[in-house]
C-alpha atoms as a PDB file:
ATOM      1  CA  MET A   1      25.368  19.425  10.947  1.00  0.00           C
ATOM      2  CA  ASP A   2      25.132  15.625  11.178  1.00  0.00           C
ATOM      3  CA  ARG A   3      21.681  14.753  12.747  1.00  0.00           C
ATOM      4  CA  PRO A   4      21.058  11.370  14.845  1.00  0.00           C
ATOM      5  CA  ALA A   5      19.957   9.006  12.542  1.00  0.00           C
ATOM      6  CA  THR A   6      15.878   7.666  12.955  1.00  0.00           C
ATOM      7  CA  THR A   7      15.284   4.304  13.392  1.00  0.00           C
ATOM      8  CA  HIS A   8      11.739   3.771  12.584  1.00  0.00           C
ATOM      9  CA  PRO A   9       8.704   5.975  10.913  1.00  0.00           C
ATOM     10  CA  ALA A  10       6.644   8.066  13.203  1.00  0.00           C
ATOM     11  CA  THR A  11       3.719   6.238  14.921  1.00  0.00           C
ATOM     12  CA  ALA A  12       0.065   7.273  15.625  1.00  0.00           C
ATOM     13  CA  ARG A  13       1.049   7.057  19.488  1.00  0.00           C
ATOM     14  CA  GLU A  14       4.601   9.079  18.732  1.00  0.00           C
ATOM     15  CA  VAL A  15       2.355  11.984  17.444  1.00  0.00           C
ATOM     16  CA  ILE A  16      -0.122  12.083  20.161  1.00  0.00           C
ATOM     17  CA  LEU A  17       2.798  12.059  22.533  1.00  0.00           C
ATOM     18  CA  GLU A  18       4.595  14.819  20.729  1.00  0.00           C
ATOM     19  CA  ILE A  19       1.344  16.807  21.047  1.00  0.00           C
ATOM     20  CA  VAL A  20       1.174  16.509  24.716  1.00  0.00           C
ATOM     21  CA  ARG A  21       4.871  17.504  25.304  1.00  0.00           C
ATOM     22  CA  ASN A  22       4.211  20.665  22.852  1.00  0.00           C
ATOM     23  CA  MET A  23       1.025  21.554  25.354  1.00  0.00           C
ATOM     24  CA  ARG A  24       3.538  21.115  28.490  1.00  0.00           C
ATOM     25  CA  GLU A  25       6.347  22.777  27.173  1.00  0.00           C
ATOM     26  CA  GLY A  26       4.090  26.057  26.160  1.00  0.00           C
ATOM     27  CA  LEU A  27       1.736  26.402  29.179  1.00  0.00           C
ATOM     28  CA  GLU A  28       1.608  30.133  30.751  1.00  0.00           C
ATOM     29  CA  PRO A  29       0.820  30.715  33.942  1.00  0.00           C
ATOM     30  CA  LEU A  30      -0.699  33.607  35.435  1.00  0.00           C
ATOM     31  CA  HIS A  31      -2.244  34.600  38.660  1.00  0.00           C
ATOM     32  CA  PHE A  32      -5.467  32.855  39.311  1.00  0.00           C
ATOM     33  CA  SER A  33      -5.304  30.135  36.217  1.00  0.00           C
ATOM     34  CA  THR A  34      -2.405  28.805  33.780  1.00  0.00           C
ATOM     35  CA  LEU A  35      -3.153  29.060  30.346  1.00  0.00           C
ATOM     36  CA  ALA A  36      -2.484  26.068  27.338  1.00  0.00           C
ATOM     37  CA  PRO A  37      -2.101  26.264  23.726  1.00  0.00           C
ATOM     38  CA  SER A  38      -5.274  25.595  21.786  1.00  0.00           C
ATOM     39  CA  VAL A  39      -3.973  25.496  18.300  1.00  0.00           C
ATOM     40  CA  TYR A  40      -1.720  22.664  17.278  1.00  0.00           C
ATOM     41  CA  HIS A  41      -0.285  21.840  13.465  1.00  0.00           C
ATOM     42  CA  VAL A  42       1.717  18.834  13.458  1.00  0.00           C
ATOM     43  CA  TYR A  43       3.902  18.386  10.254  1.00  0.00           C
ATOM     44  CA  LEU A  44       4.960  14.611   9.097  1.00  0.00           C
ATOM     45  CA  HIS A  45       7.169  13.391   6.544  1.00  0.00           C
ATOM     46  CA  PRO A  46       4.857  12.484   3.401  1.00  0.00           C
ATOM     47  CA  SER A  47       5.673   8.952   4.049  1.00  0.00           C
ATOM     48  CA  ASP A  48       4.310   9.276   7.641  1.00  0.00           C
ATOM     49  CA  MET A  49       1.358  10.818   6.270  1.00  0.00           C
ATOM     50  CA  ASP A  50       0.401   8.756   3.866  1.00  0.00           C
ATOM     51  CA  ARG A  51       0.612   5.575   6.360  1.00  0.00           C
ATOM     52  CA  LEU A  52      -1.469   7.491   8.555  1.00  0.00           C
ATOM     53  CA  ARG A  53      -3.892   9.346   6.884  1.00  0.00           C
ATOM     54  CA  ALA A  54      -6.270   6.724   7.098  1.00  0.00           C
ATOM     55  CA  ILE A  55      -6.420   6.716  10.576  1.00  0.00           C
ATOM     56  CA  GLU A  56      -5.799  10.558  11.048  1.00  0.00           C
ATOM     57  CA  PRO A  57      -9.494  11.386  12.774  1.00  0.00           C
ATOM     58  CA  ARG A  58      -8.924   8.668  15.099  1.00  0.00           C
ATOM     59  CA  ILE A  59      -5.328  10.479  15.939  1.00  0.00           C
ATOM     60  CA  VAL A  60      -6.974  13.829  16.786  1.00  0.00           C
ATOM     61  CA  ASP A  61      -9.401  12.443  18.542  1.00  0.00           C
ATOM     62  CA  GLU A  62      -7.350  10.629  20.889  1.00  0.00           C
ATOM     63  CA  ALA A  63      -4.999  13.268  20.724  1.00  0.00           C
ATOM     64  CA  ARG A  64      -7.754  15.314  22.429  1.00  0.00           C
ATOM     65  CA  ARG A  65      -8.555  13.200  25.210  1.00  0.00           C
ATOM     66  CA  ALA A  66      -4.951  12.627  25.959  1.00  0.00           C
ATOM     67  CA  LEU A  67      -4.731  16.473  26.328  1.00  0.00           C
ATOM     68  CA  ASP A  68      -7.548  16.294  28.393  1.00  0.00           C
ATOM     69  CA  GLU A  69      -5.973  13.609  30.279  1.00  0.00           C
ATOM     70  CA  ALA A  70      -2.753  15.564  31.264  1.00  0.00           C
ATOM     71  CA  LEU A  71      -4.479  18.662  32.139  1.00  0.00           C
ATOM     72  CA  ASP A  72      -6.281  16.565  34.683  1.00  0.00           C
ATOM     73  CA  SER A  73      -3.439  15.180  35.737  1.00  0.00           C
ATOM     74  CA  LEU A  74      -1.207  18.401  36.222  1.00  0.00           C
ATOM     75  CA  ASN A  75      -4.431  19.951  37.864  1.00  0.00           C
ATOM     76  CA  ARG A  76      -5.123  16.899  40.600  1.00  0.00           C
ATOM     77  CA  ALA A  77      -4.585  17.642  43.697  1.00  0.00           C
ATOM     78  CA  SER A  78      -1.375  15.771  45.976  1.00  0.00           C
ATOM     79  CA  LEU A  79      -2.227  13.879  48.891  1.00  0.00           C
ATOM     80  CA  GLY A  80      -1.326  16.727  51.329  1.00  0.00           C
ATOM     81  CA  GLU A  81      -3.592  18.996  49.497  1.00  0.00           C
ATOM     82  CA  ARG A  82      -6.336  16.870  49.509  1.00  0.00           C
ATOM     83  CA  LEU A  83      -5.865  16.450  53.443  1.00  0.00           C
ATOM     84  CA  LYS A  84      -5.530  20.365  53.631  1.00  0.00           C
ATOM     85  CA  ILE A  85      -2.135  20.345  55.088  1.00  0.00           C
ATOM     86  CA  SER A  86      -0.741  22.314  52.246  1.00  0.00           C
ATOM     87  CA  ARG A  87      -2.269  25.022  49.841  1.00  0.00           C
ATOM     88  CA  ARG A  88      -1.925  24.646  45.831  1.00  0.00           C
ATOM     89  CA  SER A  89       1.305  26.759  44.791  1.00  0.00           C
ATOM     90  CA  GLU A  90       0.530  26.852  41.245  1.00  0.00           C
ATOM     91  CA  PRO A  91      -2.657  27.926  39.433  1.00  0.00           C
ATOM     92  CA  ARG A  92      -4.973  25.565  38.176  1.00  0.00           C
ATOM     93  CA  ILE A  93      -4.734  24.814  34.418  1.00  0.00           C
ATOM     94  CA  ALA A  94      -7.638  25.912  32.395  1.00  0.00           C
ATOM     95  CA  PRO A  95      -8.811  24.273  28.972  1.00  0.00           C
ATOM     96  CA  PRO A  96      -9.063  26.497  26.058  1.00  0.00           C
ATOM     97  CA  GLU A  97     -12.695  27.798  25.740  1.00  0.00           C
ATOM     98  CA  GLY A  98     -12.872  26.549  22.466  1.00  0.00           C
ATOM     99  CA  GLY A  99     -11.372  23.393  22.806  1.00  0.00           C
ATOM    100  CA  TRP A 100      -8.575  21.961  21.083  1.00  0.00           C
ATOM    101  CA  ARG A 101      -7.585  22.270  17.595  1.00  0.00           C
ATOM    102  CA  ILE A 102      -5.455  19.986  15.602  1.00  0.00           C
ATOM    103  CA  ARG A 103      -4.452  19.837  12.370  1.00  0.00           C
ATOM    104  CA  ILE A 104      -2.366  17.065  11.235  1.00  0.00           C
ATOM    105  CA  LEU A 105      -0.315  18.092   7.841  1.00  0.00           C
ATOM    106  CA  GLU A 106       2.451  17.130   5.406  1.00  0.00           C
ATOM    107  CA  ASN A 107       5.795  18.382   5.995  1.00  0.00           C
ATOM    108  CA  THR A 108       7.026  20.020   2.648  1.00  0.00           C
ATOM    109  CA  ASP A 109      10.774  20.728   3.867  1.00  0.00           C
ATOM    110  CA  ASP A 110      13.046  19.036   1.853  1.00  0.00           C
ATOM    111  CA  ASP A 111      15.452  18.265   5.240  1.00  0.00           C
ATOM    112  CA  VAL A 112      13.099  15.995   7.000  1.00  0.00           C
ATOM    113  CA  ALA A 113      13.159  12.277   7.656  1.00  0.00           C
ATOM    114  CA  PRO A 114      10.417   9.551   8.446  1.00  0.00           C
ATOM    115  CA  GLY A 115       9.770   9.691  11.721  1.00  0.00           C
ATOM    116  CA  ASP A 116      10.533  13.424  12.082  1.00  0.00           C
ATOM    117  CA  ILE A 117       7.468  15.413  13.858  1.00  0.00           C
ATOM    118  CA  VAL A 118       7.187  19.253  13.582  1.00  0.00           C
ATOM    119  CA  ILE A 119       4.451  20.810  15.917  1.00  0.00           C
ATOM    120  CA  TYR A 120       3.958  24.667  15.935  1.00  0.00           C
ATOM    121  CA  SER A 121       1.174  25.595  18.435  1.00  0.00           C
ATOM    122  CA  GLU A 122      -0.131  29.009  19.642  1.00  0.00           C
ATOM    123  CA  LEU A 123      -1.564  30.809  22.577  1.00  0.00           C
ATOM    124  CA  ALA A 124      -3.010  34.244  22.804  1.00  0.00           C
ATOM    125  CA  MET A 125      -2.001  36.038  26.048  1.00  0.00           C
ATOM    126  CA  PRO A 126      -1.685  39.391  27.596  1.00  0.00           C
ATOM    127  CA  ALA A 127       1.735  40.906  26.839  1.00  0.00           C
ATOM    128  CA  LYS A 128       4.828  40.250  28.882  1.00  0.00           C
ATOM    129  CA  PRO A 129       6.142  43.503  30.308  1.00  0.00           C
ATOM    130  CA  GLU A 130       9.387  42.789  28.760  1.00  0.00           C
ATOM    131  CA  TYR A 131       7.986  42.765  25.220  1.00  0.00           C
ATOM    132  CA  GLY A 132       5.850  46.133  25.832  1.00  0.00           C
ATOM    133  CA  GLY A 133       2.211  46.857  25.609  1.00  0.00           C
ATOM    134  CA  GLY A 134      -0.507  45.163  23.263  1.00  0.00           C
ATOM    135  CA  ALA A 135      -1.682  41.840  23.121  1.00  0.00           C
ATOM    136  CA  MET A 136       0.483  38.815  22.407  1.00  0.00           C
ATOM    137  CA  THR A 137       0.509  35.624  20.635  1.00  0.00           C
ATOM    138  CA  LYS A 138       2.705  32.638  22.005  1.00  0.00           C
ATOM    139  CA  ARG A 139       4.224  30.313  19.594  1.00  0.00           C
ATOM    140  CA  ILE A 140       5.492  26.819  20.942  1.00  0.00           C
ATOM    141  CA  ALA A 141       7.610  25.016  18.695  1.00  0.00           C
ATOM    142  CA  THR A 142       8.728  21.417  19.225  1.00  0.00           C
ATOM    143  CA  ARG A 143      10.682  18.734  17.076  1.00  0.00           C
ATOM    144  CA  ARG A 144      11.569  15.517  17.183  1.00  0.00           C
ATOM    145  CA  MET A 145      14.268  15.046  14.649  1.00  0.00           C
ATOM    146  CA  GLY A 146      16.300  11.934  14.409  1.00  0.00           C
ATOM    147  CA  GLY A 147      14.925  10.945  17.690  1.00  0.00           C
ATOM    148  CA  ALA A 148      16.061  13.862  19.368  1.00  0.00           C
ATOM    149  CA  GLN A 149      13.548  16.210  20.606  1.00  0.00           C
ATOM    150  CA  SER A 150      13.831  20.149  21.021  1.00  0.00           C
ATOM    151  CA  SER A 151      11.493  22.924  21.888  1.00  0.00           C
ATOM    152  CA  ALA A 152      11.348  26.694  21.441  1.00  0.00           C
ATOM    153  CA  LEU A 153       9.281  29.722  22.621  1.00  0.00           C
ATOM    154  CA  THR A 154       8.577  32.803  20.624  1.00  0.00           C
ATOM    155  CA  TYR A 155       6.904  35.938  21.386  1.00  0.00           C
ATOM    156  CA  ARG A 156       4.746  37.925  18.552  1.00  0.00           C
ATOM    157  CA  LYS A 157       3.178  41.193  19.006  1.00  0.00           C
ATOM    158  CA  ALA A 158      -0.067  42.320  17.496  1.00  0.00           C
ATOM    159  CA  PRO A 159       0.844  44.936  14.635  1.00  0.00           C
ATOM    160  CA  GLU A 160      -0.008  48.227  15.667  1.00  0.00           C
ATOM    161  CA  GLY A 161      -0.666  51.643  13.553  1.00  0.00           C
ATOM    162  CA  PRO A 162      -0.457  52.026   9.720  1.00  0.00           C
ATOM    163  CA  ALA A 163       2.104  50.605   7.400  1.00  0.00           C
ATOM    164  CA  PRO A 164       4.770  53.080   6.308  1.00  0.00           C
ATOM    165  CA  GLU A 165       4.376  54.996   2.931  1.00  0.00           C
ATOM    166  CA  PRO A 166       5.615  53.321  -0.198  1.00  0.00           C
ATOM    167  CA  ASP A 167       8.969  54.124  -1.918  1.00  0.00           C
ATOM    168  CA  ALA A 168       7.912  56.185  -5.135  1.00  0.00           C
ATOM    169  CA  ARG A 169      10.977  54.852  -6.726  1.00  0.00           C
ATOM    170  CA  ALA A 170       9.550  51.148  -6.262  1.00  0.00           C
ATOM    171  CA  TYR A 171       7.684  48.781  -9.052  1.00  0.00           C
ATOM    172  CA  ALA A 172       5.453  47.286  -6.618  1.00  0.00           C
ATOM    173  CA  VAL A 173       4.321  47.375  -2.642  1.00  0.00           C
ATOM    174  CA  ILE A 174       3.623  44.401  -1.099  1.00  0.00           C
ATOM    175  CA  GLU A 175       2.334  44.665   2.578  1.00  0.00           C
ATOM    176  CA  TYR A 176       1.856  41.713   4.693  1.00  0.00           C
ATOM    177  CA  GLU A 177       1.972  39.745   8.104  1.00  0.00           C
ATOM    178  CA  ASP A 178       4.268  37.267   9.578  1.00  0.00           C
ATOM    179  CA  ASN A 179       5.367  35.833  12.622  1.00  0.00           C
ATOM    180  CA  GLY A 180       7.198  38.744  13.123  1.00  0.00           C
ATOM    181  CA  GLY A 181       4.603  41.364  13.218  1.00  0.00           C
ATOM    182  CA  ARG A 182       3.305  43.555  10.051  1.00  0.00           C
ATOM    183  CA  LYS A 183       5.450  44.466   7.324  1.00  0.00           C
ATOM    184  CA  THR A 184       5.900  46.111   4.223  1.00  0.00           C
ATOM    185  CA  TYR A 185       8.343  45.129   1.148  1.00  0.00           C
ATOM    186  CA  ARG A 186       9.164  47.418  -1.769  1.00  0.00           C
ATOM    187  CA  MET A 187       9.843  45.616  -4.837  1.00  0.00           C
ATOM    188  CA  THR A 188      12.561  47.547  -6.959  1.00  0.00           C
ATOM    189  CA  LYS A 189      13.782  44.678  -9.183  1.00  0.00           C
ATOM    190  CA  ASP A 190      11.834  43.119 -12.134  1.00  0.00           C
ATOM    191  CA  GLU A 191      12.057  39.955 -10.271  1.00  0.00           C
ATOM    192  CA  ILE A 192      11.609  38.723  -6.728  1.00  0.00           C
ATOM    193  CA  VAL A 193      11.613  35.053  -4.646  1.00  0.00           C
ATOM    194  CA  VAL A 194       8.754  34.792  -1.799  1.00  0.00           C
ATOM    195  CA  GLY A 195       9.010  31.966   0.512  1.00  0.00           C
ATOM    196  CA  ARG A 196      10.711  30.673   4.053  1.00  0.00           C
ATOM    197  CA  GLY A 197      14.059  30.462   2.490  1.00  0.00           C
ATOM    198  CA  GLY A 198      17.131  28.411   4.001  1.00  0.00           C
ATOM    199  CA  ARG A 199      20.338  27.562   3.875  1.00  0.00           C
ATOM    200  CA  ASP A 200      20.148  26.379   0.035  1.00  0.00           C
ATOM    201  CA  TYR A 201      17.337  28.631  -0.974  1.00  0.00           C
ATOM    202  CA  TRP A 202      17.333  32.510  -1.643  1.00  0.00           C
ATOM    203  CA  THR A 203      14.529  34.480  -1.275  1.00  0.00           C
ATOM    204  CA  ASP A 204      14.284  38.283  -1.625  1.00  0.00           C
ATOM    205  CA  LEU A 205      11.021  38.389   0.715  1.00  0.00           C
ATOM    206  CA  LYS A 206      11.665  35.961   3.221  1.00  0.00           C
ATOM    207  CA  LEU A 207       8.442  34.990   5.316  1.00  0.00           C
ATOM    208  CA  ASP A 208       8.569  33.746   9.075  1.00  0.00           C
ATOM    209  CA  THR A 209       5.727  31.373   8.960  1.00  0.00           C
ATOM    210  CA  LEU A 210       4.630  27.914   8.946  1.00  0.00           C
ATOM    211  CA  PRO A 211       6.123  25.051   6.993  1.00  0.00           C
ATOM    212  CA  ASP A 212       2.856  25.283   4.475  1.00  0.00           C
ATOM    213  CA  VAL A 213       4.727  27.582   2.830  1.00  0.00           C
ATOM    214  CA  SER A 214       7.475  26.387   0.874  1.00  0.00           C
ATOM    215  CA  ARG A 215      11.205  27.897   1.079  1.00  0.00           C
ATOM    216  CA  GLU A 216      11.007  29.145  -2.640  1.00  0.00           C
ATOM    217  CA  HIS A 217       7.094  29.426  -3.171  1.00  0.00           C
ATOM    218  CA  PHE A 218       6.631  31.513  -5.754  1.00  0.00           C
ATOM    219  CA  ARG A 219       8.464  34.139  -8.360  1.00  0.00           C
ATOM    220  CA  LEU A 220       6.900  37.262  -9.186  1.00  0.00           C
ATOM    221  CA  ARG A 221       8.390  39.133 -12.372  1.00  0.00           C
ATOM    222  CA  ARG A 222       7.756  42.327 -13.831  1.00  0.00           C
ATOM    223  CA  ASP A 223       7.779  42.588 -17.392  1.00  0.00           C
ATOM    224  CA  ALA A 224      10.162  45.960 -17.984  1.00  0.00           C
ATOM    225  CA  ALA A 225       8.488  46.614 -21.506  1.00  0.00           C
ATOM    226  CA  THR A 226       4.709  46.502 -20.418  1.00  0.00           C
ATOM    227  CA  GLY A 227       4.832  47.163 -16.449  1.00  0.00           C
ATOM    228  CA  GLN A 228       2.645  43.871 -16.177  1.00  0.00           C
ATOM    229  CA  PHE A 229       3.244  41.289 -13.194  1.00  0.00           C
ATOM    230  CA  PHE A 230       3.370  37.448 -13.890  1.00  0.00           C
ATOM    231  CA  LEU A 231       3.264  35.017 -10.737  1.00  0.00           C
ATOM    232  CA  LYS A 232       5.023  31.546 -11.045  1.00  0.00           C
ATOM    233  CA  ASP A 233       4.075  29.497  -8.193  1.00  0.00           C
ATOM    234  CA  LEU A 234       6.484  27.236  -7.415  1.00  0.00           C
ATOM    235  CA  SER A 235       5.281  25.465  -4.125  1.00  0.00           C
ATOM    236  CA  ARG A 236       3.594  22.105  -3.181  1.00  0.00           C
ATOM    237  CA  LEU A 237       0.433  23.469  -1.055  1.00  0.00           C
ATOM    238  CA  GLY A 238      -0.603  26.222  -3.557  1.00  0.00           C
ATOM    239  CA  THR A 239      -1.186  30.053  -4.198  1.00  0.00           C
ATOM    240  CA  THR A 240      -4.178  32.369  -5.039  1.00  0.00           C
ATOM    241  CA  ILE A 241      -4.800  35.497  -7.008  1.00  0.00           C
ATOM    242  CA  ASN A 242      -7.659  37.171  -5.538  1.00  0.00           C
ATOM    243  CA  GLY A 243      -8.736  34.056  -4.361  1.00  0.00           C
ATOM    244  CA  GLU A 244      -8.419  32.495  -7.796  1.00  0.00           C
ATOM    245  CA  LYS A 245      -5.843  29.456  -7.691  1.00  0.00           C
ATOM    246  CA  ALA A 246      -2.683  30.004  -9.960  1.00  0.00           C
ATOM    247  CA  PRO A 247      -1.588  26.989 -11.956  1.00  0.00           C
ATOM    248  CA  SER A 248       1.434  25.036 -10.305  1.00  0.00           C
ATOM    249  CA  SER A 249       4.852  25.853 -12.660  1.00  0.00           C
ATOM    250  CA  VAL A 250       5.857  22.385 -11.172  1.00  0.00           C
ATOM    251  CA  ASP A 251       5.785  18.911 -12.719  1.00  0.00           C
ATOM    252  CA  ALA A 252       6.685  16.198 -10.149  1.00  0.00           C
ATOM    253  CA  ALA A 253       6.869  13.296 -12.023  1.00  0.00           C
ATOM    254  CA  GLU A 254       8.577  10.321 -11.098  1.00  0.00           C
ATOM    255  CA  GLY A 255      10.242  11.700  -8.092  1.00  0.00           C
ATOM    256  CA  GLU A 256      11.793  14.869  -9.768  1.00  0.00           C
ATOM    257  CA  ARG A 257      11.022  18.177  -9.793  1.00  0.00           C
ATOM    258  CA  ARG A 258      10.850  20.358 -13.287  1.00  0.00           C
ATOM    259  CA  ASP A 259       9.928  23.697 -14.017  1.00  0.00           C
ATOM    260  CA  LEU A 260       7.575  24.327 -16.496  1.00  0.00           C
ATOM    261  CA  ASN A 261       7.897  28.187 -16.534  1.00  0.00           C
ATOM    262  CA  VAL A 262       4.042  28.494 -16.122  1.00  0.00           C
ATOM    263  CA  GLU A 263       3.077  32.308 -14.849  1.00  0.00           C
ATOM    264  CA  ALA A 264      -0.187  33.817 -14.191  1.00  0.00           C
ATOM    265  CA  PRO A 265      -0.975  37.301 -15.019  1.00  0.00           C
ATOM    266  CA  VAL A 266      -1.397  39.481 -11.257  1.00  0.00           C
ATOM    267  CA  PRO A 267      -3.688  42.824 -11.598  1.00  0.00           C
ATOM    268  CA  ALA A 268      -2.411  46.159 -10.400  1.00  0.00           C
ATOM    269  CA  GLN A 269      -4.085  45.253  -7.126  1.00  0.00           C
ATOM    270  CA  ALA A 270      -4.343  41.814  -5.618  1.00  0.00           C
ATOM    271  CA  ARG A 271      -4.367  39.795  -2.638  1.00  0.00           C
ATOM    272  CA  ILE A 272      -1.936  37.016  -2.485  1.00  0.00           C
ATOM    273  CA  CYS A 273      -2.350  33.998  -0.277  1.00  0.00           C
ATOM    274  CA  LEU A 274       0.306  31.415  -0.087  1.00  0.00           C
ATOM    275  CA  ALA A 275      -0.915  27.772   1.474  1.00  0.00           C
ATOM    276  CA  GLY A 276      -3.941  29.598   3.166  1.00  0.00           C
ATOM    277  CA  VAL A 277      -1.552  30.737   5.920  1.00  0.00           C
ATOM    278  CA  VAL A 278       0.188  34.220   4.469  1.00  0.00           C
ATOM    279  CA  PHE A 279      -1.925  36.811   2.923  1.00  0.00           C
ATOM    280  CA  LEU A 280       0.192  39.269   0.582  1.00  0.00           C
ATOM    281  CA  ASP A 281      -1.611  42.588  -0.416  1.00  0.00           C
ATOM    282  CA  PHE A 282       0.271  43.528  -3.459  1.00  0.00           C
ATOM    283  CA  ARG A 283      -0.160  46.838  -5.454  1.00  0.00           C
ATOM    284  CA  SER A 284       1.737  48.118  -8.381  1.00  0.00           C
ATOM    285  CA  VAL A 285       2.885  51.874  -8.058  1.00  0.00           C
ATOM    286  CA  GLU A 286       3.476  52.617 -11.672  1.00  0.00           C
END
């Protein structure tokens, strides 16, 4: 699918306007109030990130002010309401109790271009009846790709109950939680690929999560002779094993990525963290 040409890199003002647009797209009306997303992760092309990095704190500060002004404008009473001719039909929008939390990060996807702005925000909210009982998280994704804007909403139900029992024939069991909820993966072959995947990226364990996690984040290999597991980190934002950073196996010198075939041993039980975003609880069953 062809994408529109981007005419210019992303400016700080455009980033702020996209954050405000994301907030407007994510408003959730209740009976007496309307909730607004409180957490915003903004992803920019590396060249835009490098150019704006020095003023990132200023961008975040002005984005918070812009969100406050947008809420004030949306809540402002009309002339008729000020004259008590009509009653307000929409519940007032409440600012987040903990304030606006905004992070600006480098987009590690390979198919982004300068000028692209991707924002994921989250809103904790009561469950909608059509999704069943339990607490829900509403995720709002807005994108400006090649100058074209789009948005999407998803709802994630909080995990319920214990994970299913592992298959005794598996070499290892990996339990984790992504945007699809709590899951269990059984490793039944000697090597798997873990990441977000994509059109040109095969993954055995595909994670539905933020772009901080690379499409091909790491490979997990089992030595058939010894039963020892090894992890090869192929990501941009890193992987930890029980809190210790795994060595990167990627050399990006002179603009080319090269696999150095560097691996780190994985204990029989380990907590593996991908880019500080997703945690995998690994357990060997041999």
